[in-house]
C-alpha cells in the first residue's frame, strides 16, 4: 500500500509540474492543452512521458521538451525522465480541458 501511495504522490507531482510548462505562444499550460498523452512511472521511478505538439513544426518544441525534462527530473524521487514525441493520434482542440478552451475563448 505504501508503494502505491508513493506512486500516486509522484504522479500527482508530475501532473502539477507539467501544468507549469507553457508554449510561449499560448497562454495555457501543456497539460490542459492536451499535449500530454501518457505518463508512465516504473517501480524505480523512471518516468516516461508521451507528448505531442499542436503542430509537428512547433517553433517552441525544443524549448518545451527541455522544460518538461528539467522540471520533471527535479521532482523528488524521480530517477530519470524519457520523453517520447508522438504525433499519433494527431492533436486537435477537442483534447483540451474545458478550462483551456475557456481561456482561449473557444467556449
PDB file of N, CA and C in Angstrom:
ATOM      1  N   UNK A   1       0.829  -1.200   0.000  1.00  0.00           N
ATOM      2  CA  UNK A   1       0.000   0.000   0.000  1.00  0.00           C
ATOM      3  C   UNK A   1       0.874   1.267   0.000  1.00  0.00           C
ATOM      4  N   UNK A   2       1.931   1.236   0.798  1.00  0.00           N
ATOM      5  CA  UNK A   2       2.815   2.406   0.870  1.00  0.00           C
ATOM      6  C   UNK A   2       3.401   2.724  -0.513  1.00  0.00           C
ATOM      7  N   UNK A   3       3.783   1.674  -1.247  1.00  0.00           N
ATOM      8  CA  UNK A   3       4.352   1.850  -2.584  1.00  0.00           C
ATOM      9  C   UNK A   3       3.346   2.531  -3.506  1.00  0.00           C
ATOM     10  N   UNK A   4       2.083   2.121  -3.394  1.00  0.00           N
ATOM     11  CA  UNK A   4       1.035   2.695  -4.227  1.00  0.00           C
ATOM     12  C   UNK A   4       0.844   4.176  -3.899  1.00  0.00           C
ATOM     13  N   UNK A   5       0.891   4.512  -2.613  1.00  0.00           N
ATOM     14  CA  UNK A   5       0.758   5.916  -2.204  1.00  0.00           C
ATOM     15  C   UNK A   5       1.921   6.749  -2.735  1.00  0.00           C
ATOM     16  N   UNK A   6       3.123   6.198  -2.687  1.00  0.00           N
ATOM     17  CA  UNK A   6       4.301   6.878  -3.221  1.00  0.00           C
ATOM     18  C   UNK A   6       4.135   7.123  -4.720  1.00  0.00           C
ATOM     19  N   UNK A   7       3.650   6.102  -5.414  1.00  0.00           N
ATOM     20  CA  UNK A   7       3.430   6.193  -6.860  1.00  0.00           C
ATOM     21  C   UNK A   7       2.435   7.311  -7.167  1.00  0.00           C
ATOM     22  N   UNK A   8       1.307   7.329  -6.438  1.00  0.00           N
ATOM     23  CA  UNK A   8       0.288   8.354  -6.667  1.00  0.00           C
ATOM     24  C   UNK A   8       0.818   9.744  -6.345  1.00  0.00           C
ATOM     25  N   UNK A   9       1.608   9.835  -5.295  1.00  0.00           N
ATOM     26  CA  UNK A   9       2.203  11.124  -4.914  1.00  0.00           C
ATOM     27  C   UNK A   9       3.135  11.627  -6.017  1.00  0.00           C
ATOM     28  N   UNK A  10       3.933  10.722  -6.566  1.00  0.00           N
ATOM     29  CA  UNK A  10       4.855  11.086  -7.646  1.00  0.00           C
ATOM     30  C   UNK A  10       4.069  11.490  -8.895  1.00  0.00           C
ATOM     31  N   UNK A  11       3.040  10.704  -9.224  1.00  0.00           N
ATOM     32  CA  UNK A  11       2.224  11.014 -10.398  1.00  0.00           C
ATOM     33  C   UNK A  11       1.552  12.384 -10.242  1.00  0.00           C
ATOM     34  N   UNK A  12       1.040  12.654  -9.057  1.00  0.00           N
ATOM     35  CA  UNK A  12       0.398  13.942  -8.776  1.00  0.00           C
ATOM     36  C   UNK A  12       1.397  15.090  -8.930  1.00  0.00           C
ATOM     37  N   UNK A  13       2.607  14.881  -8.416  1.00  0.00           N
ATOM     38  CA  UNK A  13       3.658  15.905  -8.516  1.00  0.00           C
ATOM     39  C   UNK A  13       4.027  16.157  -9.975  1.00  0.00           C
ATOM     40  N   UNK A  14       4.058  15.102 -10.780  1.00  0.00           N
ATOM     41  CA  UNK A  14       4.397  15.253 -12.198  1.00  0.00           C
ATOM     42  C   UNK A  14       3.316  16.057 -12.914  1.00  0.00           C
ATOM     43  N   UNK A  15       2.045  15.712 -12.678  1.00  0.00           N
ATOM     44  CA  UNK A  15       0.948  16.446 -13.321  1.00  0.00           C
ATOM     45  C   UNK A  15       0.984  17.919 -12.902  1.00  0.00           C
ATOM     46  N   UNK A  16       1.192  18.158 -11.612  1.00  0.00           N
ATOM     47  CA  UNK A  16       1.273  19.538 -11.104  1.00  0.00           C
ATOM     48  C   UNK A  16       2.421  20.288 -11.795  1.00  0.00           C
ATOM     49  N   UNK A  17       3.547  19.608 -11.966  1.00  0.00           N
ATOM     50  CA  UNK A  17       4.714  20.208 -12.620  1.00  0.00           C
ATOM     51  C   UNK A  17       4.438  20.490 -14.092  1.00  0.00           C
ATOM     52  N   UNK A  18       3.799  19.529 -14.778  1.00  0.00           N
ATOM     53  CA  UNK A  18       3.502  19.717 -16.200  1.00  0.00           C
ATOM     54  C   UNK A  18       2.566  20.906 -16.409  1.00  0.00           C
ATOM     55  N   UNK A  19       1.773  21.209 -15.401  1.00  0.00           N
ATOM     56  CA  UNK A  19       0.865  22.356 -15.503  1.00  0.00           C
ATOM     57  C   UNK A  19       1.601  23.686 -15.355  1.00  0.00           C
ATOM     58  N   UNK A  20       2.926  23.636 -15.128  1.00  0.00           N
ATOM     59  CA  UNK A  20       3.725  24.867 -15.067  1.00  0.00           C
ATOM     60  C   UNK A  20       4.497  25.092 -16.369  1.00  0.00           C
ATOM     61  N   UNK A  21       4.326  24.188 -17.340  1.00  0.00           N
ATOM     62  CA  UNK A  21       5.026  24.291 -18.616  1.00  0.00           C
ATOM     63  C   UNK A  21       4.076  24.883 -19.655  1.00  0.00           C
ATOM     64  N   UNK A  22       4.542  25.937 -20.318  1.00  0.00           N
ATOM     65  CA  UNK A  22       3.719  26.640 -21.300  1.00  0.00           C
ATOM     66  C   UNK A  22       4.405  26.719 -22.643  1.00  0.00           C
ATOM     67  N   UNK A  23       3.611  26.668 -23.699  1.00  0.00           N
ATOM     68  CA  UNK A  23       4.087  27.024 -25.022  1.00  0.00           C
ATOM     69  C   UNK A  23       4.154  28.553 -24.983  1.00  0.00           C
ATOM     70  N   UNK A  24       5.288  29.164 -25.311  1.00  0.00           N
ATOM     71  CA  UNK A  24       5.398  30.629 -25.216  1.00  0.00           C
ATOM     72  C   UNK A  24       4.345  31.380 -26.044  1.00  0.00           C
ATOM     73  N   UNK A  25       3.757  30.709 -27.026  1.00  0.00           N
ATOM     74  CA  UNK A  25       2.780  31.386 -27.885  1.00  0.00           C
ATOM     75  C   UNK A  25       1.336  31.203 -27.436  1.00  0.00           C
ATOM     76  N   UNK A  26       1.111  30.333 -26.432  1.00  0.00           N
ATOM     77  CA  UNK A  26      -0.254  30.032 -25.995  1.00  0.00           C
ATOM     78  C   UNK A  26      -0.339  30.197 -24.473  1.00  0.00           C
ATOM     79  N   UNK A  27      -1.310  30.979 -23.985  1.00  0.00           N
ATOM     80  CA  UNK A  27      -1.385  31.252 -22.543  1.00  0.00           C
ATOM     81  C   UNK A  27      -2.047  30.133 -21.723  1.00  0.00           C
ATOM     82  N   UNK A  28      -1.852  28.876 -22.128  1.00  0.00           N
ATOM     83  CA  UNK A  28      -2.426  27.732 -21.421  1.00  0.00           C
ATOM     84  C   UNK A  28      -1.321  26.691 -21.274  1.00  0.00           C
ATOM     85  N   UNK A  29      -1.276  26.027 -20.116  1.00  0.00           N
ATOM     86  CA  UNK A  29      -0.218  25.036 -19.901  1.00  0.00           C
ATOM     87  C   UNK A  29      -0.407  23.806 -20.806  1.00  0.00           C
ATOM     88  N   UNK A  30       0.690  23.090 -21.025  1.00  0.00           N
ATOM     89  CA  UNK A  30       0.672  21.968 -21.974  1.00  0.00           C
ATOM     90  C   UNK A  30      -0.217  20.818 -21.521  1.00  0.00           C
ATOM     91  N   UNK A  31      -0.387  20.670 -20.207  1.00  0.00           N
ATOM     92  CA  UNK A  31      -1.240  19.585 -19.710  1.00  0.00           C
ATOM     93  C   UNK A  31      -2.699  19.856 -20.064  1.00  0.00           C
ATOM     94  N   UNK A  32      -3.165  21.075 -19.769  1.00  0.00           N
ATOM     95  CA  UNK A  32      -4.549  21.431 -20.071  1.00  0.00           C
ATOM     96  C   UNK A  32      -4.797  21.550 -21.576  1.00  0.00           C
ATOM     97  N   UNK A  33      -3.743  21.812 -22.336  1.00  0.00           N
ATOM     98  CA  UNK A  33      -3.878  21.849 -23.794  1.00  0.00           C
ATOM     99  C   UNK A  33      -4.091  20.442 -24.370  1.00  0.00           C
ATOM    100  N   UNK A  34      -3.804  19.427 -23.561  1.00  0.00           N
ATOM    101  CA  UNK A  34      -3.969  18.057 -24.032  1.00  0.00           C
ATOM    102  C   UNK A  34      -2.745  17.538 -24.769  1.00  0.00           C
ATOM    103  N   UNK A  35      -1.600  18.159 -24.531  1.00  0.00           N
ATOM    104  CA  UNK A  35      -0.379  17.754 -25.237  1.00  0.00           C
ATOM    105  C   UNK A  35       0.311  16.559 -24.578  1.00  0.00           C
ATOM    106  N   UNK A  36      -0.088  16.239 -23.349  1.00  0.00           N
ATOM    107  CA  UNK A  36       0.490  15.087 -22.652  1.00  0.00           C
ATOM    108  C   UNK A  36      -0.434  13.900 -22.874  1.00  0.00           C
ATOM    109  N   UNK A  37       0.065  12.891 -23.585  1.00  0.00           N
ATOM    110  CA  UNK A  37      -0.752  11.716 -23.894  1.00  0.00           C
ATOM    111  C   UNK A  37      -0.645  10.646 -22.819  1.00  0.00           C
ATOM    112  N   UNK A  38       0.548  10.504 -22.222  1.00  0.00           N
ATOM    113  CA  UNK A  38       0.718   9.439 -21.242  1.00  0.00           C
ATOM    114  C   UNK A  38       1.902   9.738 -20.339  1.00  0.00           C
ATOM    115  N   UNK A  39       1.745   9.390 -19.054  1.00  0.00           N
ATOM    116  CA  UNK A  39       2.840   9.479 -18.097  1.00  0.00           C
ATOM    117  C   UNK A  39       2.966   8.101 -17.455  1.00  0.00           C
ATOM    118  N   UNK A  40       4.118   7.470 -17.625  1.00  0.00           N
ATOM    119  CA  UNK A  40       4.381   6.162 -17.015  1.00  0.00           C
ATOM    120  C   UNK A  40       5.504   6.305 -16.004  1.00  0.00           C
ATOM    121  N   UNK A  41       5.323   5.650 -14.866  1.00  0.00           N
ATOM    122  CA  UNK A  41       6.362   5.646 -13.837  1.00  0.00           C
ATOM    123  C   UNK A  41       6.608   4.181 -13.494  1.00  0.00           C
ATOM    124  N   UNK A  42       7.849   3.734 -13.627  1.00  0.00           N
ATOM    125  CA  UNK A  42       8.123   2.340 -13.273  1.00  0.00           C
ATOM    126  C   UNK A  42       8.462   2.238 -11.786  1.00  0.00           C
ATOM    127  N   UNK A  43       8.724   1.024 -11.311  1.00  0.00           N
ATOM    128  CA  UNK A  43       8.962   0.794  -9.883  1.00  0.00           C
ATOM    129  C   UNK A  43      10.195   1.523  -9.361  1.00  0.00           C
ATOM    130  N   UNK A  44      11.137   1.830 -10.258  1.00  0.00           N
ATOM    131  CA  UNK A  44      12.346   2.545  -9.846  1.00  0.00           C
ATOM    132  C   UNK A  44      12.201   4.052 -10.002  1.00  0.00           C
ATOM    133  N   UNK A  45      10.995   4.491 -10.317  1.00  0.00           N
ATOM    134  CA  UNK A  45      10.675   5.909 -10.517  1.00  0.00           C
ATOM    135  C   UNK A  45      11.395   6.524 -11.726  1.00  0.00           C
ATOM    136  N   UNK A  46      11.528   5.699 -12.764  1.00  0.00           N
ATOM    137  CA  UNK A  46      11.943   6.213 -14.062  1.00  0.00           C
ATOM    138  C   UNK A  46      10.653   6.638 -14.758  1.00  0.00           C
ATOM    139  N   UNK A  47      10.624   7.852 -15.252  1.00  0.00           N
ATOM    140  CA  UNK A  47       9.409   8.414 -15.833  1.00  0.00           C
ATOM    141  C   UNK A  47       9.518   8.461 -17.350  1.00  0.00           C
ATOM    142  N   UNK A  48       8.445   8.032 -18.022  1.00  0.00           N
ATOM    143  CA  UNK A  48       8.357   8.147 -19.473  1.00  0.00           C
ATOM    144  C   UNK A  48       7.113   8.961 -19.784  1.00  0.00           C
ATOM    145  N   UNK A  49       7.287  10.007 -20.570  1.00  0.00           N
ATOM    146  CA  UNK A  49       6.176  10.881 -20.935  1.00  0.00           C
ATOM    147  C   UNK A  49       5.995  10.848 -22.448  1.00  0.00           C
ATOM    148  N   UNK A  50       4.775  10.524 -22.883  1.00  0.00           N
ATOM    149  CA  UNK A  50       4.429  10.621 -24.300  1.00  0.00           C
ATOM    150  C   UNK A  50       3.720  11.953 -24.482  1.00  0.00           C
ATOM    151  N   UNK A  51       4.243  12.772 -25.363  1.00  0.00           N
ATOM    152  CA  UNK A  51       3.628  14.081 -25.579  1.00  0.00           C
ATOM    153  C   UNK A  51       3.670  14.453 -27.046  1.00  0.00           C
ATOM    154  N   UNK A  52       2.901  15.473 -27.376  1.00  0.00           N
ATOM    155  CA  UNK A  52       2.840  15.940 -28.751  1.00  0.00           C
ATOM    156  C   UNK A  52       2.863  17.459 -28.753  1.00  0.00           C
ATOM    157  N   UNK A  53       2.671  18.042 -29.909  1.00  0.00           N
ATOM    158  CA  UNK A  53       2.567  19.496 -30.043  1.00  0.00           C
ATOM    159  C   UNK A  53       1.322  19.825 -30.836  1.00  0.00           C
ATOM    160  N   UNK A  54       0.909  21.069 -30.780  1.00  0.00           N
ATOM    161  CA  UNK A  54      -0.276  21.476 -31.532  1.00  0.00           C
ATOM    162  C   UNK A  54      -0.027  21.371 -33.036  1.00  0.00           C
ATOM    163  N   UNK A  55       1.253  21.443 -33.426  1.00  0.00           N
ATOM    164  CA  UNK A  55       1.636  21.281 -34.832  1.00  0.00           C
ATOM    165  C   UNK A  55       3.009  20.601 -34.871  1.00  0.00           C
ATOM    166  N   UNK A  56       3.234  19.695 -35.808  1.00  0.00           N
ATOM    167  CA  UNK A  56       4.522  18.989 -35.872  1.00  0.00           C
ATOM    168  C   UNK A  56       5.728  19.914 -36.012  1.00  0.00           C
ATOM    169  N   UNK A  57       5.536  21.082 -36.607  1.00  0.00           N
ATOM    170  CA  UNK A  57       6.659  22.010 -36.793  1.00  0.00           C
ATOM    171  C   UNK A  57       6.648  23.138 -35.763  1.00  0.00           C
ATOM    172  N   UNK A  58       6.155  22.848 -34.557  1.00  0.00           N
ATOM    173  CA  UNK A  58       6.078  23.840 -33.486  1.00  0.00           C
ATOM    174  C   UNK A  58       7.445  24.503 -33.274  1.00  0.00           C
ATOM    175  N   UNK A  59       7.514  25.840 -33.413  1.00  0.00           N
ATOM    176  CA  UNK A  59       8.803  26.524 -33.281  1.00  0.00           C
ATOM    177  C   UNK A  59       9.376  26.464 -31.856  1.00  0.00           C
ATOM    178  N   UNK A  60       8.528  26.236 -30.866  1.00  0.00           N
ATOM    179  CA  UNK A  60       8.994  26.196 -29.478  1.00  0.00           C
ATOM    180  C   UNK A  60       9.227  24.771 -28.985  1.00  0.00           C
ATOM    181  N   UNK A  61       9.195  23.786 -29.876  1.00  0.00           N
ATOM    182  CA  UNK A  61       9.288  22.372 -29.492  1.00  0.00           C
ATOM    183  C   UNK A  61      10.491  22.074 -28.590  1.00  0.00           C
ATOM    184  N   UNK A  62      11.680  22.487 -28.997  1.00  0.00           N
ATOM    185  CA  UNK A  62      12.886  22.187 -28.217  1.00  0.00           C
ATOM    186  C   UNK A  62      12.797  22.806 -26.827  1.00  0.00           C
ATOM    187  N   UNK A  63      12.342  24.036 -26.771  1.00  0.00           N
ATOM    188  CA  UNK A  63      12.200  24.747 -25.501  1.00  0.00           C
ATOM    189  C   UNK A  63      11.226  24.006 -24.580  1.00  0.00           C
ATOM    190  N   UNK A  64      10.090  23.588 -25.120  1.00  0.00           N
ATOM    191  CA  UNK A  64       9.058  22.925 -24.320  1.00  0.00           C
ATOM    192  C   UNK A  64       9.550  21.565 -23.815  1.00  0.00           C
ATOM    193  N   UNK A  65      10.174  20.772 -24.694  1.00  0.00           N
ATOM    194  CA  UNK A  65      10.691  19.457 -24.300  1.00  0.00           C
ATOM    195  C   UNK A  65      11.741  19.622 -23.195  1.00  0.00           C
ATOM    196  N   UNK A  66      12.620  20.588 -23.353  1.00  0.00           N
ATOM    197  CA  UNK A  66      13.658  20.846 -22.353  1.00  0.00           C
ATOM    198  C   UNK A  66      13.030  21.232 -21.011  1.00  0.00           C
ATOM    199  N   UNK A  67      11.996  22.059 -21.048  1.00  0.00           N
ATOM    200  CA  UNK A  67      11.296  22.498 -19.836  1.00  0.00           C
ATOM    201  C   UNK A  67      10.635  21.300 -19.142  1.00  0.00           C
ATOM    202  N   UNK A  68       9.967  20.452 -19.915  1.00  0.00           N
ATOM    203  CA  UNK A  68       9.322  19.256 -19.362  1.00  0.00           C
ATOM    204  C   UNK A  68      10.390  18.356 -18.734  1.00  0.00           C
ATOM    205  N   UNK A  69      11.474  18.146 -19.466  1.00  0.00           N
ATOM    206  CA  UNK A  69      12.576  17.287 -18.998  1.00  0.00           C
ATOM    207  C   UNK A  69      13.140  17.790 -17.663  1.00  0.00           C
ATOM    208  N   UNK A  70      13.534  19.050 -17.627  1.00  0.00           N
ATOM    209  CA  UNK A  70      14.173  19.608 -16.429  1.00  0.00           C
ATOM    210  C   UNK A  70      13.229  19.653 -15.234  1.00  0.00           C
ATOM    211  N   UNK A  71      12.013  20.118 -15.453  1.00  0.00           N
ATOM    212  CA  UNK A  71      11.071  20.240 -14.335  1.00  0.00           C
ATOM    213  C   UNK A  71      10.670  18.878 -13.778  1.00  0.00           C
ATOM    214  N   UNK A  72      10.457  17.902 -14.654  1.00  0.00           N
ATOM    215  CA  UNK A  72      10.071  16.569 -14.189  1.00  0.00           C
ATOM    216  C   UNK A  72      11.241  15.910 -13.464  1.00  0.00           C
ATOM    217  N   UNK A  73      12.439  16.062 -13.994  1.00  0.00           N
ATOM    218  CA  UNK A  73      13.627  15.465 -13.370  1.00  0.00           C
ATOM    219  C   UNK A  73      13.903  16.053 -11.992  1.00  0.00           C
ATOM    220  N   UNK A  74      13.431  17.274 -11.745  1.00  0.00           N
ATOM    221  CA  UNK A  74      13.696  17.920 -10.453  1.00  0.00           C
ATOM    222  C   UNK A  74      12.722  17.494  -9.352  1.00  0.00           C
ATOM    223  N   UNK A  75      11.716  16.685  -9.704  1.00  0.00           N
ATOM    224  CA  UNK A  75      10.756  16.213  -8.700  1.00  0.00           C
ATOM    225  C   UNK A  75      11.439  15.188  -7.797  1.00  0.00           C
ATOM    226  N   UNK A  76      11.236  15.356  -6.504  1.00  0.00           N
ATOM    227  CA  UNK A  76      11.864  14.470  -5.525  1.00  0.00           C
ATOM    228  C   UNK A  76      11.503  13.011  -5.804  1.00  0.00           C
ATOM    229  N   UNK A  77      12.525  12.163  -5.844  1.00  0.00           N
ATOM    230  CA  UNK A  77      12.305  10.737  -6.041  1.00  0.00           C
ATOM    231  C   UNK A  77      12.371  10.289  -7.488  1.00  0.00           C
ATOM    232  N   UNK A  78      12.209  11.214  -8.441  1.00  0.00           N
ATOM    233  CA  UNK A  78      12.258  10.832  -9.861  1.00  0.00           C
ATOM    234  C   UNK A  78      13.707  10.520 -10.223  1.00  0.00           C
ATOM    235  N   UNK A  79      13.910   9.328 -10.763  1.00  0.00           N
ATOM    236  CA  UNK A  79      15.260   8.873 -11.086  1.00  0.00           C
ATOM    237  C   UNK A  79      15.701   9.345 -12.465  1.00  0.00           C
ATOM    238  N   UNK A  80      14.831   9.156 -13.476  1.00  0.00           N
ATOM    239  CA  UNK A  80      15.174   9.590 -14.826  1.00  0.00           C
ATOM    240  C   UNK A  80      13.894   9.950 -15.566  1.00  0.00           C
ATOM    241  N   UNK A  81      14.062  10.704 -16.658  1.00  0.00           N
ATOM    242  CA  UNK A  81      12.915  11.134 -17.458  1.00  0.00           C
ATOM    243  C   UNK A  81      13.224  10.876 -18.926  1.00  0.00           C
ATOM    244  N   UNK A  82      12.300  10.191 -19.595  1.00  0.00           N
ATOM    245  CA  UNK A  82      12.416   9.996 -21.033  1.00  0.00           C
ATOM    246  C   UNK A  82      11.164  10.580 -21.677  1.00  0.00           C
ATOM    247  N   UNK A  83      11.358  11.380 -22.697  1.00  0.00           N
ATOM    248  CA  UNK A  83      10.226  11.997 -23.384  1.00  0.00           C
ATOM    249  C   UNK A  83      10.135  11.435 -24.794  1.00  0.00           C
ATOM    250  N   UNK A  84       8.961  10.922 -25.118  1.00  0.00           N
ATOM    251  CA  UNK A  84       8.687  10.426 -26.466  1.00  0.00           C
ATOM    252  C   UNK A  84       7.773  11.418 -27.162  1.00  0.00           C
ATOM    253  N   UNK A  85       8.226  11.955 -28.281  1.00  0.00           N
ATOM    254  CA  UNK A  85       7.359  12.819 -29.075  1.00  0.00           C
ATOM    255  C   UNK A  85       6.539  11.940 -29.990  1.00  0.00           C
ATOM    256  N   UNK A  86       5.229  12.069 -29.887  1.00  0.00           N
ATOM    257  CA  UNK A  86       4.338  11.257 -30.709  1.00  0.00           C
ATOM    258  C   UNK A  86       3.387  12.166 -31.477  1.00  0.00           C
ATOM    259  N   UNK A  87       3.043  11.750 -32.661  1.00  0.00           N
ATOM    260  CA  UNK A  87       2.127  12.561 -33.468  1.00  0.00           C
ATOM    261  C   UNK A  87       0.899  11.752 -33.890  1.00  0.00           C
ATOM    262  N   UNK A  88       0.706  10.608 -33.225  1.00  0.00           N
ATOM    263  CA  UNK A  88      -0.485   9.783 -33.423  1.00  0.00           C
ATOM    264  C   UNK A  88      -1.079   9.524 -32.059  1.00  0.00           C
ATOM    265  N   UNK A  89      -2.294   9.797 -31.756  1.00  0.00           N
ATOM    266  CA  UNK A  89      -3.192  10.493 -32.672  1.00  0.00           C
ATOM    267  C   UNK A  89      -2.784  11.961 -32.806  1.00  0.00           C
ATOM    268  N   UNK A  90      -3.116  12.541 -33.920  1.00  0.00           N
ATOM    269  CA  UNK A  90      -2.811  13.942 -34.155  1.00  0.00           C
ATOM    270  C   UNK A  90      -3.604  14.802 -33.170  1.00  0.00           C
ATOM    271  N   UNK A  91      -2.942  15.801 -32.588  1.00  0.00           N
ATOM    272  CA  UNK A  91      -3.599  16.674 -31.617  1.00  0.00           C
ATOM    273  C   UNK A  91      -4.688  17.492 -32.295  1.00  0.00           C
ATOM    274  N   UNK A  92      -5.804  17.669 -31.595  1.00  0.00           N
ATOM    275  CA  UNK A  92      -6.781  18.664 -32.036  1.00  0.00           C
ATOM    276  C   UNK A  92      -7.414  19.311 -30.807  1.00  0.00           C
ATOM    277  N   UNK A  93      -8.106  20.409 -31.026  1.00  0.00           N
ATOM    278  CA  UNK A  93      -8.564  21.222 -29.894  1.00  0.00           C
ATOM    279  C   UNK A  93      -9.549  20.503 -28.972  1.00  0.00           C
ATOM    280  N   UNK A  94     -10.116  19.400 -29.423  1.00  0.00           N
ATOM    281  CA  UNK A  94     -11.019  18.626 -28.563  1.00  0.00           C
ATOM    282  C   UNK A  94     -10.272  17.964 -27.399  1.00  0.00           C
ATOM    283  N   UNK A  95      -8.953  17.904 -27.483  1.00  0.00           N
ATOM    284  CA  UNK A  95      -8.141  17.290 -26.432  1.00  0.00           C
ATOM    285  C   UNK A  95      -7.904  18.241 -25.260  1.00  0.00           C
ATOM    286  N   UNK A  96      -8.265  19.495 -25.433  1.00  0.00           N
ATOM    287  CA  UNK A  96      -8.065  20.488 -24.375  1.00  0.00           C
ATOM    288  C   UNK A  96      -9.104  20.324 -23.269  1.00  0.00           C
ATOM    289  N   UNK A  97      -8.714  20.714 -22.052  1.00  0.00           N
ATOM    290  CA  UNK A  97      -9.662  20.724 -20.940  1.00  0.00           C
ATOM    291  C   UNK A  97     -10.643  21.874 -21.152  1.00  0.00           C
ATOM    292  N   UNK A  98     -11.749  21.821 -20.433  1.00  0.00           N
ATOM    293  CA  UNK A  98     -12.738  22.908 -20.510  1.00  0.00           C
ATOM    294  C   UNK A  98     -12.089  24.243 -20.113  1.00  0.00           C
ATOM    295  N   UNK A  99     -11.227  24.204 -19.085  1.00  0.00           N
ATOM    296  CA  UNK A  99     -10.542  25.427 -18.632  1.00  0.00           C
ATOM    297  C   UNK A  99      -9.704  26.039 -19.745  1.00  0.00           C
ATOM    298  N   UNK A 100      -8.986  25.176 -20.477  1.00  0.00           N
ATOM    299  CA  UNK A 100      -8.138  25.656 -21.571  1.00  0.00           C
ATOM    300  C   UNK A 100      -8.988  26.278 -22.673  1.00  0.00           C
ATOM    301  N   UNK A 101     -10.096  25.623 -23.010  1.00  0.00           N
ATOM    302  CA  UNK A 101     -10.985  26.155 -24.054  1.00  0.00           C
ATOM    303  C   UNK A 101     -11.552  27.502 -23.635  1.00  0.00           C
ATOM    304  N   UNK A 102     -11.906  27.608 -22.364  1.00  0.00           N
ATOM    305  CA  UNK A 102     -12.441  28.861 -21.832  1.00  0.00           C
ATOM    306  C   UNK A 102     -11.391  29.966 -21.919  1.00  0.00           C
ATOM    307  N   UNK A 103     -10.169  29.645 -21.485  1.00  0.00           N
ATOM    308  CA  UNK A 103      -9.057  30.595 -21.502  1.00  0.00           C
ATOM    309  C   UNK A 103      -8.776  31.111 -22.903  1.00  0.00           C
ATOM    310  N   UNK A 104      -8.926  30.244 -23.898  1.00  0.00           N
ATOM    311  CA  UNK A 104      -8.626  30.619 -25.272  1.00  0.00           C
ATOM    312  C   UNK A 104      -9.865  31.130 -26.032  1.00  0.00           C
ATOM    313  N   UNK A 105     -10.981  31.261 -25.308  1.00  0.00           N
ATOM    314  CA  UNK A 105     -12.190  31.807 -25.914  1.00  0.00           C
ATOM    315  C   UNK A 105     -12.862  30.863 -26.901  1.00  0.00           C
ATOM    316  N   UNK A 106     -12.695  29.551 -26.683  1.00  0.00           N
ATOM    317  CA  UNK A 106     -13.299  28.573 -27.585  1.00  0.00           C
ATOM    318  C   UNK A 106     -14.624  28.030 -27.066  1.00  0.00           C
ATOM    319  N   UNK A 107     -15.067  28.532 -25.926  1.00  0.00           N
ATOM    320  CA  UNK A 107     -16.360  28.080 -25.381  1.00  0.00           C
ATOM    321  C   UNK A 107     -17.360  29.205 -25.397  1.00  0.00           C
TER     322      UNK A 107
END
